[in-house]
Amino acid sequence: CHDGTTALGALRIAPTGGPVSLSPVTGRASLGTDLSNDHPTSFLYDESLARRRGALAIPSALPASLPLDSARQMQCTSCHDPHEQKYRKFLRMDDRRGALCLGCHVMSEWRYAAHATSTATWRGIGSNPWPRSPYTTVSDNGCENCHQPHAAAHPARLLSQSQERTVCFVCHNGSVASMNLEAEFLKPSAHPVAATNWVHDPREDPRTML
């Protein structure tokens, strides 16, 4: 259904209230067949994976509201319940403050981080940093300040912007954060961040960085 070709209302048996007229999924809801910019699914989520990757909860510690399938695989239905829209987008739990993401991703220092505690809001200048979110503060948007679980602009780490610097500058340009970092990097003496994208990796050894 979510590749945009199937009408959700094309049911074999119409409900008692009459036929349902729902057209094929379009826009951002249509994921297409290339899922490289979406959260991965259909992979074995076991203790070996959690320990190998790090920063992942072991399966026995996952919230009951985020189930794996019978083969212990992560699926779309681990995060979404297609038959109950208790939370937005049929999510199985509230995603405010990154709660849904933190069900699997163990970020030990997250609770003390500025993105988890800041009550800053968009000042209405520049681009809206959260155009698809109902939340209005940095803390409430949580992980989605920087990441986008579906149709991410930069597939690696599901980052929300296609240019590395704009992942930060969408807020740190005077529109949300109190410090305007973008202005600092526009100075002639600044490090030329606009000249390159995705050169460094968070996991690289700073002693060997070029």
C-alpha atoms as a PDB file:
ATOM      1  CA  CYS A   1       0.000   0.000   0.000  1.00  0.00           C
ATOM      2  CA  HIS A   2       2.697   2.492   0.933  1.00  0.00           C
ATOM      3  CA  ASP A   3       4.550   2.342  -2.381  1.00  0.00           C
ATOM      4  CA  GLY A   4       1.815   4.613  -3.708  1.00  0.00           C
ATOM      5  CA  THR A   5       0.199   2.157  -6.132  1.00  0.00           C
ATOM      6  CA  THR A   6      -2.553   0.526  -4.069  1.00  0.00           C
ATOM      7  CA  ALA A   7      -5.811   2.187  -3.057  1.00  0.00           C
ATOM      8  CA  LEU A   8      -6.266   1.644   0.659  1.00  0.00           C
ATOM      9  CA  GLY A   9     -10.038   1.543   0.166  1.00  0.00           C
ATOM     10  CA  ALA A  10      -9.915  -1.343  -2.309  1.00  0.00           C
ATOM     11  CA  LEU A  11     -11.243  -3.877   0.192  1.00  0.00           C
ATOM     12  CA  ARG A  12     -12.386  -7.376  -0.711  1.00  0.00           C
ATOM     13  CA  ILE A  13     -15.360  -7.002   1.618  1.00  0.00           C
ATOM     14  CA  ALA A  14     -16.814  -3.541   2.087  1.00  0.00           C
ATOM     15  CA  PRO A  15     -17.598  -2.478   5.667  1.00  0.00           C
ATOM     16  CA  THR A  16     -21.219  -2.341   6.796  1.00  0.00           C
ATOM     17  CA  GLY A  17     -21.260   1.432   6.375  1.00  0.00           C
ATOM     18  CA  GLY A  18     -20.716   1.100   2.629  1.00  0.00           C
ATOM     19  CA  PRO A  19     -17.679   1.247   0.328  1.00  0.00           C
ATOM     20  CA  VAL A  20     -14.587   3.145   1.423  1.00  0.00           C
ATOM     21  CA  SER A  21     -13.201   5.652  -1.062  1.00  0.00           C
ATOM     22  CA  LEU A  22      -9.508   6.043  -0.314  1.00  0.00           C
ATOM     23  CA  SER A  23      -7.145   6.705  -3.195  1.00  0.00           C
ATOM     24  CA  PRO A  24      -3.570   5.410  -3.501  1.00  0.00           C
ATOM     25  CA  VAL A  25      -1.099   6.860  -1.011  1.00  0.00           C
ATOM     26  CA  THR A  26       0.632   9.990  -2.324  1.00  0.00           C
ATOM     27  CA  GLY A  27       3.107  12.591  -1.146  1.00  0.00           C
ATOM     28  CA  ARG A  28       5.385  11.842   1.809  1.00  0.00           C
ATOM     29  CA  ALA A  29       3.172   8.934   2.849  1.00  0.00           C
ATOM     30  CA  SER A  30       4.164   7.140  -0.355  1.00  0.00           C
ATOM     31  CA  LEU A  31       7.478   5.488   0.519  1.00  0.00           C
ATOM     32  CA  GLY A  32       8.110   3.991  -2.923  1.00  0.00           C
ATOM     33  CA  THR A  33      10.107   0.812  -3.370  1.00  0.00           C
ATOM     34  CA  ASP A  34      13.520   2.262  -2.467  1.00  0.00           C
ATOM     35  CA  LEU A  35      13.620   2.120   1.332  1.00  0.00           C
ATOM     36  CA  SER A  36      17.258   3.156   1.711  1.00  0.00           C
ATOM     37  CA  ASN A  37      16.162   6.477   3.227  1.00  0.00           C
ATOM     38  CA  ASP A  38      13.726   4.864   5.684  1.00  0.00           C
ATOM     39  CA  HIS A  39      14.210   3.130   9.019  1.00  0.00           C
ATOM     40  CA  PRO A  40      15.316  -0.462   8.266  1.00  0.00           C
ATOM     41  CA  THR A  41      12.901  -3.356   8.738  1.00  0.00           C
ATOM     42  CA  SER A  42      12.860  -7.142   8.350  1.00  0.00           C
ATOM     43  CA  PHE A  43      16.141  -7.701  10.153  1.00  0.00           C
ATOM     44  CA  LEU A  44      16.883 -10.012  13.066  1.00  0.00           C
ATOM     45  CA  TYR A  45      16.938  -8.043  16.303  1.00  0.00           C
ATOM     46  CA  ASP A  46      18.655 -10.284  18.833  1.00  0.00           C
ATOM     47  CA  GLU A  47      21.150  -9.921  21.657  1.00  0.00           C
ATOM     48  CA  SER A  48      24.041 -10.511  19.270  1.00  0.00           C
ATOM     49  CA  LEU A  49      23.013  -7.528  17.153  1.00  0.00           C
ATOM     50  CA  ALA A  50      22.451  -5.307  20.189  1.00  0.00           C
ATOM     51  CA  ARG A  51      25.850  -6.090  21.673  1.00  0.00           C
ATOM     52  CA  ARG A  52      27.636  -5.870  18.324  1.00  0.00           C
ATOM     53  CA  ARG A  53      26.159  -2.526  17.342  1.00  0.00           C
ATOM     54  CA  GLY A  54      26.093  -0.963  20.796  1.00  0.00           C
ATOM     55  CA  ALA A  55      23.599   1.713  21.880  1.00  0.00           C
ATOM     56  CA  LEU A  56      20.729  -0.718  21.279  1.00  0.00           C
ATOM     57  CA  ALA A  57      18.516  -2.236  23.948  1.00  0.00           C
ATOM     58  CA  ILE A  58      18.678  -6.008  24.232  1.00  0.00           C
ATOM     59  CA  PRO A  59      15.411  -7.599  23.025  1.00  0.00           C
ATOM     60  CA  SER A  60      14.245  -8.549  26.526  1.00  0.00           C
ATOM     61  CA  ALA A  61      14.452  -4.864  27.529  1.00  0.00           C
ATOM     62  CA  LEU A  62      12.303  -3.558  24.682  1.00  0.00           C
ATOM     63  CA  PRO A  63       8.998  -1.970  25.734  1.00  0.00           C
ATOM     64  CA  ALA A  64       6.038  -4.297  25.368  1.00  0.00           C
ATOM     65  CA  SER A  65       4.403  -1.672  23.169  1.00  0.00           C
ATOM     66  CA  LEU A  66       7.169  -2.083  20.546  1.00  0.00           C
ATOM     67  CA  PRO A  67       6.983  -5.778  19.612  1.00  0.00           C
ATOM     68  CA  LEU A  68       9.215  -7.792  17.326  1.00  0.00           C
ATOM     69  CA  ASP A  69       7.517 -10.328  15.077  1.00  0.00           C
ATOM     70  CA  SER A  70       7.429 -14.081  15.737  1.00  0.00           C
ATOM     71  CA  ALA A  71      10.824 -14.475  14.042  1.00  0.00           C
ATOM     72  CA  ARG A  72      12.339 -11.823  16.351  1.00  0.00           C
ATOM     73  CA  GLN A  73      12.572  -9.380  13.477  1.00  0.00           C
ATOM     74  CA  MET A  74      12.029  -5.642  13.508  1.00  0.00           C
ATOM     75  CA  GLN A  75       9.106  -4.810  11.210  1.00  0.00           C
ATOM     76  CA  CYS A  76       6.934  -1.801  10.348  1.00  0.00           C
ATOM     77  CA  THR A  77       4.479  -3.111  12.928  1.00  0.00           C
ATOM     78  CA  SER A  78       7.118  -2.774  15.644  1.00  0.00           C
ATOM     79  CA  CYS A  79       6.532   0.987  15.577  1.00  0.00           C
ATOM     80  CA  HIS A  80       3.116   1.253  13.884  1.00  0.00           C
ATOM     81  CA  ASP A  81      -0.215  -0.388  14.719  1.00  0.00           C
ATOM     82  CA  PRO A  82      -2.174  -0.304  11.438  1.00  0.00           C
ATOM     83  CA  HIS A  83      -5.489  -0.919  13.196  1.00  0.00           C
ATOM     84  CA  GLU A  84      -5.354   1.677  15.952  1.00  0.00           C
ATOM     85  CA  GLN A  85      -4.468   5.352  15.687  1.00  0.00           C
ATOM     86  CA  LYS A  86      -4.101   6.085  19.364  1.00  0.00           C
ATOM     87  CA  TYR A  87      -1.060   8.218  18.530  1.00  0.00           C
ATOM     88  CA  ARG A  88      -0.285  10.161  15.368  1.00  0.00           C
ATOM     89  CA  LYS A  89       0.623   8.233  12.236  1.00  0.00           C
ATOM     90  CA  PHE A  90      -0.578   4.991  13.829  1.00  0.00           C
ATOM     91  CA  LEU A  91       2.446   4.933  16.137  1.00  0.00           C
ATOM     92  CA  ARG A  92       2.380   2.381  18.932  1.00  0.00           C
ATOM     93  CA  MET A  93       3.460   4.954  21.511  1.00  0.00           C
ATOM     94  CA  ASP A  94       3.804   8.693  21.863  1.00  0.00           C
ATOM     95  CA  ASP A  95       6.917   9.961  20.103  1.00  0.00           C
ATOM     96  CA  ARG A  96       7.158  13.196  22.086  1.00  0.00           C
ATOM     97  CA  ARG A  97      10.700  13.814  23.409  1.00  0.00           C
ATOM     98  CA  GLY A  98      11.993  10.911  21.323  1.00  0.00           C
ATOM     99  CA  ALA A  99      10.259   8.337  23.536  1.00  0.00           C
ATOM    100  CA  LEU A 100       9.557   5.916  20.704  1.00  0.00           C
ATOM    101  CA  CYS A 101      13.132   6.026  19.386  1.00  0.00           C
ATOM    102  CA  LEU A 102      14.556   5.605  22.881  1.00  0.00           C
ATOM    103  CA  GLY A 103      12.598   2.382  23.274  1.00  0.00           C
ATOM    104  CA  CYS A 104      15.294   0.681  21.180  1.00  0.00           C
ATOM    105  CA  HIS A 105      18.137   3.191  20.984  1.00  0.00           C
ATOM    106  CA  VAL A 106      19.986   3.477  24.294  1.00  0.00           C
ATOM    107  CA  MET A 107      21.436   6.981  24.509  1.00  0.00           C
ATOM    108  CA  SER A 108      22.923   7.074  28.000  1.00  0.00           C
ATOM    109  CA  GLU A 109      23.566  10.833  28.134  1.00  0.00           C
ATOM    110  CA  TRP A 110      20.503  11.929  26.186  1.00  0.00           C
ATOM    111  CA  ARG A 111      18.411  13.010  29.175  1.00  0.00           C
ATOM    112  CA  TYR A 112      20.987  15.679  30.039  1.00  0.00           C
ATOM    113  CA  ALA A 113      21.568  16.907  26.480  1.00  0.00           C
ATOM    114  CA  ALA A 114      20.391  20.345  25.338  1.00  0.00           C
ATOM    115  CA  HIS A 115      18.196  18.830  22.632  1.00  0.00           C
ATOM    116  CA  ALA A 116      16.380  16.826  25.314  1.00  0.00           C
ATOM    117  CA  THR A 117      15.849  19.727  27.706  1.00  0.00           C
ATOM    118  CA  SER A 118      15.577  22.905  25.619  1.00  0.00           C
ATOM    119  CA  THR A 119      12.191  24.633  25.567  1.00  0.00           C
ATOM    120  CA  ALA A 120      13.219  26.868  22.655  1.00  0.00           C
ATOM    121  CA  THR A 121      10.625  27.342  19.912  1.00  0.00           C
ATOM    122  CA  TRP A 122      10.730  28.521  16.317  1.00  0.00           C
ATOM    123  CA  ARG A 123      10.689  32.308  16.120  1.00  0.00           C
ATOM    124  CA  GLY A 124       8.907  32.325  12.764  1.00  0.00           C
ATOM    125  CA  ILE A 125      11.935  33.452  10.752  1.00  0.00           C
ATOM    126  CA  GLY A 126      13.668  31.314   8.164  1.00  0.00           C
ATOM    127  CA  SER A 127      12.417  27.784   7.522  1.00  0.00           C
ATOM    128  CA  ASN A 128      10.276  25.897   9.995  1.00  0.00           C
ATOM    129  CA  PRO A 129      12.669  23.327  11.506  1.00  0.00           C
ATOM    130  CA  TRP A 130       9.796  20.916  12.211  1.00  0.00           C
ATOM    131  CA  PRO A 131       7.435  21.174   9.206  1.00  0.00           C
ATOM    132  CA  ARG A 132       5.968  17.695   9.735  1.00  0.00           C
ATOM    133  CA  SER A 133       5.725  17.701  13.513  1.00  0.00           C
ATOM    134  CA  PRO A 134       2.874  18.778  15.801  1.00  0.00           C
ATOM    135  CA  TYR A 135       5.402  19.672  18.501  1.00  0.00           C
ATOM    136  CA  THR A 136       6.753  23.183  18.920  1.00  0.00           C
ATOM    137  CA  THR A 137       9.810  22.904  21.185  1.00  0.00           C
ATOM    138  CA  VAL A 138      13.264  21.418  20.757  1.00  0.00           C
ATOM    139  CA  SER A 139      12.775  19.017  23.659  1.00  0.00           C
ATOM    140  CA  ASP A 140       9.393  17.765  22.444  1.00  0.00           C
ATOM    141  CA  ASN A 141      10.744  17.115  18.946  1.00  0.00           C
ATOM    142  CA  GLY A 142      13.577  15.078  20.432  1.00  0.00           C
ATOM    143  CA  CYS A 143      15.369  12.908  17.894  1.00  0.00           C
ATOM    144  CA  GLU A 144      13.470  14.473  15.003  1.00  0.00           C
ATOM    145  CA  ASN A 145      15.369  17.724  15.461  1.00  0.00           C
ATOM    146  CA  CYS A 146      18.069  16.060  13.349  1.00  0.00           C
ATOM    147  CA  HIS A 147      16.692  12.722  12.146  1.00  0.00           C
ATOM    148  CA  GLN A 148      13.778  11.682   9.962  1.00  0.00           C
ATOM    149  CA  PRO A 149      12.647   8.039  10.145  1.00  0.00           C
ATOM    150  CA  HIS A 150      11.052   8.035   6.677  1.00  0.00           C
ATOM    151  CA  ALA A 151      12.087   9.705   3.406  1.00  0.00           C
ATOM    152  CA  ALA A 152      15.185  11.172   5.038  1.00  0.00           C
ATOM    153  CA  ALA A 153      16.967  13.810   2.975  1.00  0.00           C
ATOM    154  CA  HIS A 154      20.310  12.125   3.732  1.00  0.00           C
ATOM    155  CA  PRO A 155      19.886   8.339   4.067  1.00  0.00           C
ATOM    156  CA  ALA A 156      22.983   7.763   6.201  1.00  0.00           C
ATOM    157  CA  ARG A 157      21.787   7.977   9.821  1.00  0.00           C
ATOM    158  CA  LEU A 158      18.438   9.164   8.436  1.00  0.00           C
ATOM    159  CA  LEU A 159      19.420  12.819   8.722  1.00  0.00           C
ATOM    160  CA  SER A 160      16.707  15.330   7.935  1.00  0.00           C
ATOM    161  CA  GLN A 161      18.725  17.668   5.703  1.00  0.00           C
ATOM    162  CA  SER A 162      20.581  16.931   2.465  1.00  0.00           C
ATOM    163  CA  GLN A 163      23.531  19.157   3.387  1.00  0.00           C
ATOM    164  CA  GLU A 164      25.548  18.424   6.491  1.00  0.00           C
ATOM    165  CA  ARG A 165      25.711  21.983   7.783  1.00  0.00           C
ATOM    166  CA  THR A 166      21.973  22.596   7.435  1.00  0.00           C
ATOM    167  CA  VAL A 167      21.214  19.747   9.843  1.00  0.00           C
ATOM    168  CA  CYS A 168      22.527  22.162  12.470  1.00  0.00           C
ATOM    169  CA  PHE A 169      21.788  25.498  10.817  1.00  0.00           C
ATOM    170  CA  VAL A 170      18.063  24.849  10.471  1.00  0.00           C
ATOM    171  CA  CYS A 171      17.905  25.785  14.169  1.00  0.00           C
ATOM    172  CA  HIS A 172      21.288  27.395  14.803  1.00  0.00           C
ATOM    173  CA  ASN A 173      20.752  30.258  12.358  1.00  0.00           C
ATOM    174  CA  GLY A 174      18.943  32.561  14.736  1.00  0.00           C
ATOM    175  CA  SER A 175      15.540  30.995  14.110  1.00  0.00           C
ATOM    176  CA  VAL A 176      15.440  28.744  17.203  1.00  0.00           C
ATOM    177  CA  ALA A 177      18.710  28.528  19.138  1.00  0.00           C
ATOM    178  CA  SER A 178      19.921  31.643  20.936  1.00  0.00           C
ATOM    179  CA  MET A 179      23.388  31.379  19.396  1.00  0.00           C
ATOM    180  CA  ASN A 180      23.534  32.004  15.635  1.00  0.00           C
ATOM    181  CA  LEU A 181      26.266  29.598  14.517  1.00  0.00           C
ATOM    182  CA  GLU A 182      25.556  30.101  10.822  1.00  0.00           C
ATOM    183  CA  ALA A 183      26.701  33.716  11.069  1.00  0.00           C
ATOM    184  CA  GLU A 184      29.996  32.557  12.588  1.00  0.00           C
ATOM    185  CA  PHE A 185      30.727  30.271   9.663  1.00  0.00           C
ATOM    186  CA  LEU A 186      30.026  33.031   7.135  1.00  0.00           C
ATOM    187  CA  LYS A 187      33.093  34.935   8.333  1.00  0.00           C
ATOM    188  CA  PRO A 188      36.082  34.896   5.902  1.00  0.00           C
ATOM    189  CA  SER A 189      38.289  33.370   8.617  1.00  0.00           C
ATOM    190  CA  ALA A 190      35.892  30.527   9.420  1.00  0.00           C
ATOM    191  CA  HIS A 191      36.431  26.838   8.723  1.00  0.00           C
ATOM    192  CA  PRO A 192      34.943  26.303   5.218  1.00  0.00           C
ATOM    193  CA  VAL A 193      32.099  23.998   6.175  1.00  0.00           C
ATOM    194  CA  ALA A 194      30.093  24.997   3.089  1.00  0.00           C
ATOM    195  CA  ALA A 195      32.783  23.643   0.780  1.00  0.00           C
ATOM    196  CA  THR A 196      32.414  19.979   1.774  1.00  0.00           C
ATOM    197  CA  ASN A 197      29.726  17.576   2.941  1.00  0.00           C
ATOM    198  CA  TRP A 198      29.869  14.315   4.890  1.00  0.00           C
ATOM    199  CA  VAL A 199      33.678  14.190   5.092  1.00  0.00           C
ATOM    200  CA  HIS A 200      33.929  13.157   8.733  1.00  0.00           C
ATOM    201  CA  ASP A 201      32.298  10.298  10.600  1.00  0.00           C
ATOM    202  CA  PRO A 202      31.380  10.358  14.314  1.00  0.00           C
ATOM    203  CA  ARG A 203      33.187   7.063  14.797  1.00  0.00           C
ATOM    204  CA  GLU A 204      36.550   8.110  13.344  1.00  0.00           C
ATOM    205  CA  ASP A 205      39.597   8.438  15.563  1.00  0.00           C
ATOM    206  CA  PRO A 206      40.330  12.152  16.129  1.00  0.00           C
ATOM    207  CA  ARG A 207      44.041  11.325  16.326  1.00  0.00           C
ATOM    208  CA  THR A 208      44.064  10.237  12.694  1.00  0.00           C
ATOM    209  CA  MET A 209      41.655  12.789  11.220  1.00  0.00           C
ATOM    210  CA  LEU A 210      42.927  14.758   8.236  1.00  0.00           C
END
